Amino acid sequence: MPEPAKSLFREVLPKQGKLCVEDVTTMVLCKPKLLPLKSVTLEKLEKMQRAAQETIHQQERAERDQQQLNEEHT
């Protein structure tokens, strides 16, 4: 068997009594990270999308009005 590498620390085991190791998890506090609810870019995209939808609705209304006028004249 190969010899183990020499360690800087010497292992010490008790000759009497019990060896007890306690591992307790604790909460670690960290700096709070404040994030905006909506980013500026997302707000711009939503505004552009609303404007595009409004334009589409206006075009659809104009087409319906035009069709109604054409039906009335025929």
PDB file of N, CA and C in Angstrom:
ATOM      1  N   MET A   1       0.827  -1.182   0.000  1.00  0.00           N
ATOM      2  CA  MET A   1       0.000   0.000   0.000  1.00  0.00           C
ATOM      3  C   MET A   1       0.870   1.242   0.000  1.00  0.00           C
ATOM      4  N   PRO A   2       0.528   2.258  -0.810  1.00  0.00           N
ATOM      5  CA  PRO A   2       1.348   3.471  -0.801  1.00  0.00           C
ATOM      6  C   PRO A   2       1.148   4.241   0.493  1.00  0.00           C
ATOM      7  N   GLU A   3       2.179   4.935   0.899  1.00  0.00           N
ATOM      8  CA  GLU A   3       2.109   5.716   2.131  1.00  0.00           C
ATOM      9  C   GLU A   3       1.279   6.973   1.887  1.00  0.00           C
ATOM     10  N   PRO A   4       0.420   7.354   2.857  1.00  0.00           N
ATOM     11  CA  PRO A   4      -0.370   8.574   2.681  1.00  0.00           C
ATOM     12  C   PRO A   4       0.540   9.799   2.717  1.00  0.00           C
ATOM     13  N   ALA A   5       0.117  10.834   2.019  1.00  0.00           N
ATOM     14  CA  ALA A   5       0.904  12.073   1.996  1.00  0.00           C
ATOM     15  C   ALA A   5       0.948  12.657   3.398  1.00  0.00           C
ATOM     16  N   LYS A   6       2.078  13.240   3.758  1.00  0.00           N
ATOM     17  CA  LYS A   6       2.212  13.816   5.090  1.00  0.00           C
ATOM     18  C   LYS A   6       1.339  15.062   5.181  1.00  0.00           C
ATOM     19  N   SER A   7       0.594  15.153   6.262  1.00  0.00           N
ATOM     20  CA  SER A   7      -0.320  16.265   6.470  1.00  0.00           C
ATOM     21  C   SER A   7       0.313  17.276   7.421  1.00  0.00           C
ATOM     22  N   LEU A   8      -0.122  18.508   7.306  1.00  0.00           N
ATOM     23  CA  LEU A   8       0.356  19.541   8.223  1.00  0.00           C
ATOM     24  C   LEU A   8      -0.276  19.370   9.600  1.00  0.00           C
ATOM     25  N   PHE A   9      -1.412  18.681   9.640  1.00  0.00           N
ATOM     26  CA  PHE A   9      -2.127  18.496  10.893  1.00  0.00           C
ATOM     27  C   PHE A   9      -2.040  17.033  11.323  1.00  0.00           C
ATOM     28  N   ARG A  10      -1.928  16.849  12.620  1.00  0.00           N
ATOM     29  CA  ARG A  10      -1.853  15.502  13.158  1.00  0.00           C
ATOM     30  C   ARG A  10      -3.231  15.127  13.687  1.00  0.00           C
ATOM     31  N   GLU A  11      -3.724  13.953  13.303  1.00  0.00           N
ATOM     32  CA  GLU A  11      -5.044  13.505  13.731  1.00  0.00           C
ATOM     33  C   GLU A  11      -4.986  13.093  15.191  1.00  0.00           C
ATOM     34  N   VAL A  12      -5.925  13.603  15.968  1.00  0.00           N
ATOM     35  CA  VAL A  12      -5.983  13.281  17.393  1.00  0.00           C
ATOM     36  C   VAL A  12      -7.341  12.665  17.676  1.00  0.00           C
ATOM     37  N   LEU A  13      -7.353  11.443  18.170  1.00  0.00           N
ATOM     38  CA  LEU A  13      -8.595  10.774  18.529  1.00  0.00           C
ATOM     39  C   LEU A  13      -8.634  10.597  20.035  1.00  0.00           C
ATOM     40  N   PRO A  14      -9.792  10.835  20.655  1.00  0.00           N
ATOM     41  CA  PRO A  14      -9.867  10.687  22.113  1.00  0.00           C
ATOM     42  C   PRO A  14      -9.765   9.216  22.525  1.00  0.00           C
ATOM     43  N   LYS A  15      -9.115   8.987  23.647  1.00  0.00           N
ATOM     44  CA  LYS A  15      -8.961   7.621  24.146  1.00  0.00           C
ATOM     45  C   LYS A  15     -10.148   7.245  25.024  1.00  0.00           C
ATOM     46  N   GLN A  16     -10.819   8.220  25.611  1.00  0.00           N
ATOM     47  CA  GLN A  16     -11.983   7.973  26.457  1.00  0.00           C
ATOM     48  C   GLN A  16     -13.098   8.930  26.043  1.00  0.00           C
ATOM     49  N   GLY A  17     -14.332   8.568  26.349  1.00  0.00           N
ATOM     50  CA  GLY A  17     -15.466   9.449  26.092  1.00  0.00           C
ATOM     51  C   GLY A  17     -15.987   9.318  24.671  1.00  0.00           C
ATOM     52  N   LYS A  18     -16.865  10.224  24.356  1.00  0.00           N
ATOM     53  CA  LYS A  18     -17.516  10.194  23.049  1.00  0.00           C
ATOM     54  C   LYS A  18     -17.029  11.357  22.189  1.00  0.00           C
ATOM     55  N   LEU A  19     -16.993  11.103  20.920  1.00  0.00           N
ATOM     56  CA  LEU A  19     -16.644  12.147  19.965  1.00  0.00           C
ATOM     57  C   LEU A  19     -17.952  12.641  19.357  1.00  0.00           C
ATOM     58  N   CYS A  20     -18.198  13.907  19.476  1.00  0.00           N
ATOM     59  CA  CYS A  20     -19.467  14.467  19.001  1.00  0.00           C
ATOM     60  C   CYS A  20     -19.183  15.592  18.014  1.00  0.00           C
ATOM     61  N   VAL A  21     -19.833  15.504  16.869  1.00  0.00           N
ATOM     62  CA  VAL A  21     -19.719  16.564  15.869  1.00  0.00           C
ATOM     63  C   VAL A  21     -21.120  17.093  15.625  1.00  0.00           C
ATOM     64  N   GLU A  22     -21.280  18.389  15.726  1.00  0.00           N
ATOM     65  CA  GLU A  22     -22.590  18.998  15.552  1.00  0.00           C
ATOM     66  C   GLU A  22     -22.563  19.879  14.309  1.00  0.00           C
ATOM     67  N   ASP A  23     -23.448  19.590  13.393  1.00  0.00           N
ATOM     68  CA  ASP A  23     -23.527  20.378  12.163  1.00  0.00           C
ATOM     69  C   ASP A  23     -24.892  21.052  12.134  1.00  0.00           C
ATOM     70  N   VAL A  24     -24.901  22.342  12.367  1.00  0.00           N
ATOM     71  CA  VAL A  24     -26.155  23.087  12.422  1.00  0.00           C
ATOM     72  C   VAL A  24     -26.188  24.058  11.249  1.00  0.00           C
ATOM     73  N   THR A  25     -27.287  24.011  10.514  1.00  0.00           N
ATOM     74  CA  THR A  25     -27.418  24.973   9.414  1.00  0.00           C
ATOM     75  C   THR A  25     -27.970  26.276   9.972  1.00  0.00           C
ATOM     76  N   THR A  26     -27.397  27.357   9.550  1.00  0.00           N
ATOM     77  CA  THR A  26     -27.853  28.671   9.990  1.00  0.00           C
ATOM     78  C   THR A  26     -28.125  29.539   8.776  1.00  0.00           C
ATOM     79  N   MET A  27     -28.954  30.537   8.985  1.00  0.00           N
ATOM     80  CA  MET A  27     -29.262  31.452   7.893  1.00  0.00           C
ATOM     81  C   MET A  27     -28.105  32.425   7.703  1.00  0.00           C
ATOM     82  N   VAL A  28     -27.822  32.724   6.464  1.00  0.00           N
ATOM     83  CA  VAL A  28     -26.773  33.676   6.140  1.00  0.00           C
ATOM     84  C   VAL A  28     -27.443  34.893   5.522  1.00  0.00           C
ATOM     85  N   LEU A  29     -27.221  36.033   6.113  1.00  0.00           N
ATOM     86  CA  LEU A  29     -27.827  37.256   5.595  1.00  0.00           C
ATOM     87  C   LEU A  29     -26.945  37.838   4.496  1.00  0.00           C
ATOM     88  N   CYS A  30     -27.594  38.264   3.429  1.00  0.00           N
ATOM     89  CA  CYS A  30     -26.843  38.886   2.348  1.00  0.00           C
ATOM     90  C   CYS A  30     -27.508  40.213   1.999  1.00  0.00           C
ATOM     91  N   LYS A  31     -26.824  40.998   1.206  1.00  0.00           N
ATOM     92  CA  LYS A  31     -27.358  42.297   0.824  1.00  0.00           C
ATOM     93  C   LYS A  31     -28.633  42.109   0.007  1.00  0.00           C
ATOM     94  N   PRO A  32     -29.665  42.891   0.295  1.00  0.00           N
ATOM     95  CA  PRO A  32     -30.881  42.771  -0.513  1.00  0.00           C
ATOM     96  C   PRO A  32     -30.635  43.300  -1.920  1.00  0.00           C
ATOM     97  N   LYS A  33     -31.244  42.648  -2.871  1.00  0.00           N
ATOM     98  CA  LYS A  33     -31.101  43.073  -4.257  1.00  0.00           C
ATOM     99  C   LYS A  33     -32.433  43.652  -4.699  1.00  0.00           C
ATOM    100  N   LEU A  34     -32.451  44.925  -4.952  1.00  0.00           N
ATOM    101  CA  LEU A  34     -33.673  45.586  -5.384  1.00  0.00           C
ATOM    102  C   LEU A  34     -33.742  45.545  -6.899  1.00  0.00           C
ATOM    103  N   LEU A  35     -34.806  44.943  -7.394  1.00  0.00           N
ATOM    104  CA  LEU A  35     -34.995  44.851  -8.833  1.00  0.00           C
ATOM    105  C   LEU A  35     -36.233  45.653  -9.207  1.00  0.00           C
ATOM    106  N   PRO A  36     -36.183  46.346 -10.314  1.00  0.00           N
ATOM    107  CA  PRO A  36     -37.383  47.072 -10.736  1.00  0.00           C
ATOM    108  C   PRO A  36     -38.484  46.083 -11.107  1.00  0.00           C
ATOM    109  N   LEU A  37     -39.732  46.490 -10.854  1.00  0.00           N
ATOM    110  CA  LEU A  37     -40.836  45.602 -11.202  1.00  0.00           C
ATOM    111  C   LEU A  37     -40.883  45.371 -12.702  1.00  0.00           C
ATOM    112  N   LYS A  38     -40.643  46.419 -13.462  1.00  0.00           N
ATOM    113  CA  LYS A  38     -40.575  46.294 -14.916  1.00  0.00           C
ATOM    114  C   LYS A  38     -39.382  47.116 -15.381  1.00  0.00           C
ATOM    115  N   SER A  39     -38.653  46.558 -16.294  1.00  0.00           N
ATOM    116  CA  SER A  39     -37.507  47.290 -16.807  1.00  0.00           C
ATOM    117  C   SER A  39     -37.995  48.346 -17.794  1.00  0.00           C
ATOM    118  N   VAL A  40     -37.179  49.315 -18.037  1.00  0.00           N
ATOM    119  CA  VAL A  40     -37.519  50.389 -18.968  1.00  0.00           C
ATOM    120  C   VAL A  40     -37.741  49.810 -20.357  1.00  0.00           C
ATOM    121  N   THR A  41     -36.920  48.863 -20.740  1.00  0.00           N
ATOM    122  CA  THR A  41     -37.048  48.245 -22.062  1.00  0.00           C
ATOM    123  C   THR A  41     -38.378  47.518 -22.188  1.00  0.00           C
ATOM    124  N   LEU A  42     -38.763  46.792 -21.151  1.00  0.00           N
ATOM    125  CA  LEU A  42     -40.032  46.070 -21.179  1.00  0.00           C
ATOM    126  C   LEU A  42     -41.200  47.043 -21.285  1.00  0.00           C
ATOM    127  N   GLU A  43     -41.130  48.151 -20.562  1.00  0.00           N
ATOM    128  CA  GLU A  43     -42.194  49.153 -20.647  1.00  0.00           C
ATOM    129  C   GLU A  43     -42.284  49.729 -22.055  1.00  0.00           C
ATOM    130  N   LYS A  44     -41.140  49.983 -22.689  1.00  0.00           N
ATOM    131  CA  LYS A  44     -41.146  50.500 -24.059  1.00  0.00           C
ATOM    132  C   LYS A  44     -41.759  49.489 -25.019  1.00  0.00           C
ATOM    133  N   LEU A  45     -41.395  48.210 -24.855  1.00  0.00           N
ATOM    134  CA  LEU A  45     -41.950  47.168 -25.720  1.00  0.00           C
ATOM    135  C   LEU A  45     -43.461  47.056 -25.548  1.00  0.00           C
ATOM    136  N   GLU A  46     -43.933  47.119 -24.308  1.00  0.00           N
ATOM    137  CA  GLU A  46     -45.374  47.044 -24.067  1.00  0.00           C
ATOM    138  C   GLU A  46     -46.091  48.244 -24.678  1.00  0.00           C
ATOM    139  N   LYS A  47     -45.490  49.421 -24.580  1.00  0.00           N
ATOM    140  CA  LYS A  47     -46.091  50.622 -25.167  1.00  0.00           C
ATOM    141  C   LYS A  47     -46.168  50.482 -26.686  1.00  0.00           C
ATOM    142  N   MET A  48     -45.097  49.979 -27.305  1.00  0.00           N
ATOM    143  CA  MET A  48     -45.095  49.775 -28.756  1.00  0.00           C
ATOM    144  C   MET A  48     -46.159  48.753 -29.151  1.00  0.00           C
ATOM    145  N   GLN A  49     -46.304  47.702 -28.366  1.00  0.00           N
ATOM    146  CA  GLN A  49     -47.289  46.666 -28.666  1.00  0.00           C
ATOM    147  C   GLN A  49     -48.707  47.223 -28.558  1.00  0.00           C
ATOM    148  N   ARG A  50     -48.981  48.019 -27.523  1.00  0.00           N
ATOM    149  CA  ARG A  50     -50.308  48.630 -27.386  1.00  0.00           C
ATOM    150  C   ARG A  50     -50.604  49.548 -28.562  1.00  0.00           C
ATOM    151  N   ALA A  51     -49.604  50.329 -28.980  1.00  0.00           N
ATOM    152  CA  ALA A  51     -49.792  51.237 -30.116  1.00  0.00           C
ATOM    153  C   ALA A  51     -50.073  50.445 -31.390  1.00  0.00           C
ATOM    154  N   ALA A  52     -49.366  49.349 -31.597  1.00  0.00           N
ATOM    155  CA  ALA A  52     -49.579  48.527 -32.792  1.00  0.00           C
ATOM    156  C   ALA A  52     -50.969  47.898 -32.763  1.00  0.00           C
ATOM    157  N   GLN A  53     -51.408  47.426 -31.617  1.00  0.00           N
ATOM    158  CA  GLN A  53     -52.740  46.833 -31.511  1.00  0.00           C
ATOM    159  C   GLN A  53     -53.820  47.881 -31.765  1.00  0.00           C
ATOM    160  N   GLU A  54     -53.628  49.079 -31.252  1.00  0.00           N
ATOM    161  CA  GLU A  54     -54.599  50.155 -31.480  1.00  0.00           C
ATOM    162  C   GLU A  54     -54.673  50.491 -32.964  1.00  0.00           C
ATOM    163  N   THR A  55     -53.537  50.517 -33.641  1.00  0.00           N
ATOM    164  CA  THR A  55     -53.514  50.789 -35.084  1.00  0.00           C
ATOM    165  C   THR A  55     -54.274  49.704 -35.837  1.00  0.00           C
ATOM    166  N   ILE A  56     -54.081  48.455 -35.453  1.00  0.00           N
ATOM    167  CA  ILE A  56     -54.777  47.342 -36.105  1.00  0.00           C
ATOM    168  C   ILE A  56     -56.281  47.465 -35.884  1.00  0.00           C
ATOM    169  N   HIS A  57     -56.697  47.798 -34.662  1.00  0.00           N
ATOM    170  CA  HIS A  57     -58.123  47.954 -34.378  1.00  0.00           C
ATOM    171  C   HIS A  57     -58.728  49.086 -35.213  1.00  0.00           C
ATOM    172  N   GLN A  58     -57.996  50.179 -35.343  1.00  0.00           N
ATOM    173  CA  GLN A  58     -58.490  51.300 -36.150  1.00  0.00           C
ATOM    174  C   GLN A  58     -58.636  50.885 -37.608  1.00  0.00           C
ATOM    175  N   GLN A  59     -57.669  50.139 -38.128  1.00  0.00           N
ATOM    176  CA  GLN A  59     -57.744  49.678 -39.515  1.00  0.00           C
ATOM    177  C   GLN A  59     -58.924  48.733 -39.707  1.00  0.00           C
ATOM    178  N   GLU A  60     -59.146  47.846 -38.746  1.00  0.00           N
ATOM    179  CA  GLU A  60     -60.278  46.918 -38.847  1.00  0.00           C
ATOM    180  C   GLU A  60     -61.599  47.675 -38.821  1.00  0.00           C
ATOM    181  N   ARG A  61     -61.708  48.693 -37.943  1.00  0.00           N
ATOM    182  CA  ARG A  61     -62.927  49.507 -37.899  1.00  0.00           C
ATOM    183  C   ARG A  61     -63.145  50.232 -39.217  1.00  0.00           C
ATOM    184  N   ALA A  62     -62.069  50.769 -39.782  1.00  0.00           N
ATOM    185  CA  ALA A  62     -62.178  51.484 -41.055  1.00  0.00           C
ATOM    186  C   ALA A  62     -62.622  50.530 -42.162  1.00  0.00           C
ATOM    187  N   GLU A  63     -62.103  49.311 -42.183  1.00  0.00           N
ATOM    188  CA  GLU A  63     -62.503  48.326 -43.196  1.00  0.00           C
ATOM    189  C   GLU A  63     -63.974  47.954 -43.036  1.00  0.00           C
ATOM    190  N   ARG A  64     -64.427  47.760 -41.782  1.00  0.00           N
ATOM    191  CA  ARG A  64     -65.837  47.424 -41.544  1.00  0.00           C
ATOM    192  C   ARG A  64     -66.746  48.566 -41.987  1.00  0.00           C
ATOM    193  N   ASP A  65     -66.338  49.788 -41.652  1.00  0.00           N
ATOM    194  CA  ASP A  65     -67.134  50.947 -42.069  1.00  0.00           C
ATOM    195  C   ASP A  65     -67.199  51.033 -43.587  1.00  0.00           C
ATOM    196  N   GLN A  66     -66.089  50.775 -44.243  1.00  0.00           N
ATOM    197  CA  GLN A  66     -66.038  50.827 -45.711  1.00  0.00           C
ATOM    198  C   GLN A  66     -66.938  49.747 -46.304  1.00  0.00           C
ATOM    199  N   GLN A  67     -66.927  48.552 -45.728  1.00  0.00           N
ATOM    200  CA  GLN A  67     -67.777  47.463 -46.222  1.00  0.00           C
ATOM    201  C   GLN A  67     -69.250  47.807 -46.037  1.00  0.00           C
ATOM    202  N   GLN A  68     -69.588  48.429 -44.901  1.00  0.00           N
ATOM    203  CA  GLN A  68     -70.980  48.814 -44.662  1.00  0.00           C
ATOM    204  C   GLN A  68     -71.426  49.868 -45.670  1.00  0.00           C
ATOM    205  N   LEU A  69     -70.545  50.815 -45.972  1.00  0.00           N
ATOM    206  CA  LEU A  69     -70.885  51.838 -46.964  1.00  0.00           C
ATOM    207  C   LEU A  69     -71.085  51.203 -48.332  1.00  0.00           C
ATOM    208  N   ASN A  70     -70.235  50.261 -48.704  1.00  0.00           N
ATOM    209  CA  ASN A  70     -70.350  49.588 -49.997  1.00  0.00           C
ATOM    210  C   ASN A  70     -71.644  48.780 -50.073  1.00  0.00           C
ATOM    211  N   GLU A  71     -72.039  48.133 -48.976  1.00  0.00           N
ATOM    212  CA  GLU A  71     -73.266  47.340 -48.959  1.00  0.00           C
ATOM    213  C   GLU A  71     -74.495  48.236 -49.062  1.00  0.00           C
ATOM    214  N   GLU A  72     -74.437  49.417 -48.445  1.00  0.00           N
ATOM    215  CA  GLU A  72     -75.572  50.340 -48.493  1.00  0.00           C
ATOM    216  C   GLU A  72     -75.777  50.892 -49.897  1.00  0.00           C
ATOM    217  N   HIS A  73     -74.709  51.097 -50.643  1.00  0.00           N
ATOM    218  CA  HIS A  73     -74.803  51.669 -51.985  1.00  0.00           C
ATOM    219  C   HIS A  73     -75.205  50.626 -53.017  1.00  0.00           C
ATOM    220  N   THR A  74     -75.069  49.368 -52.729  1.00  0.00           N
ATOM    221  CA  THR A  74     -75.435  48.350 -53.724  1.00  0.00           C
ATOM    222  C   THR A  74     -76.807  47.798 -53.503  1.00  0.00           C
TER     223      THR A  74
END
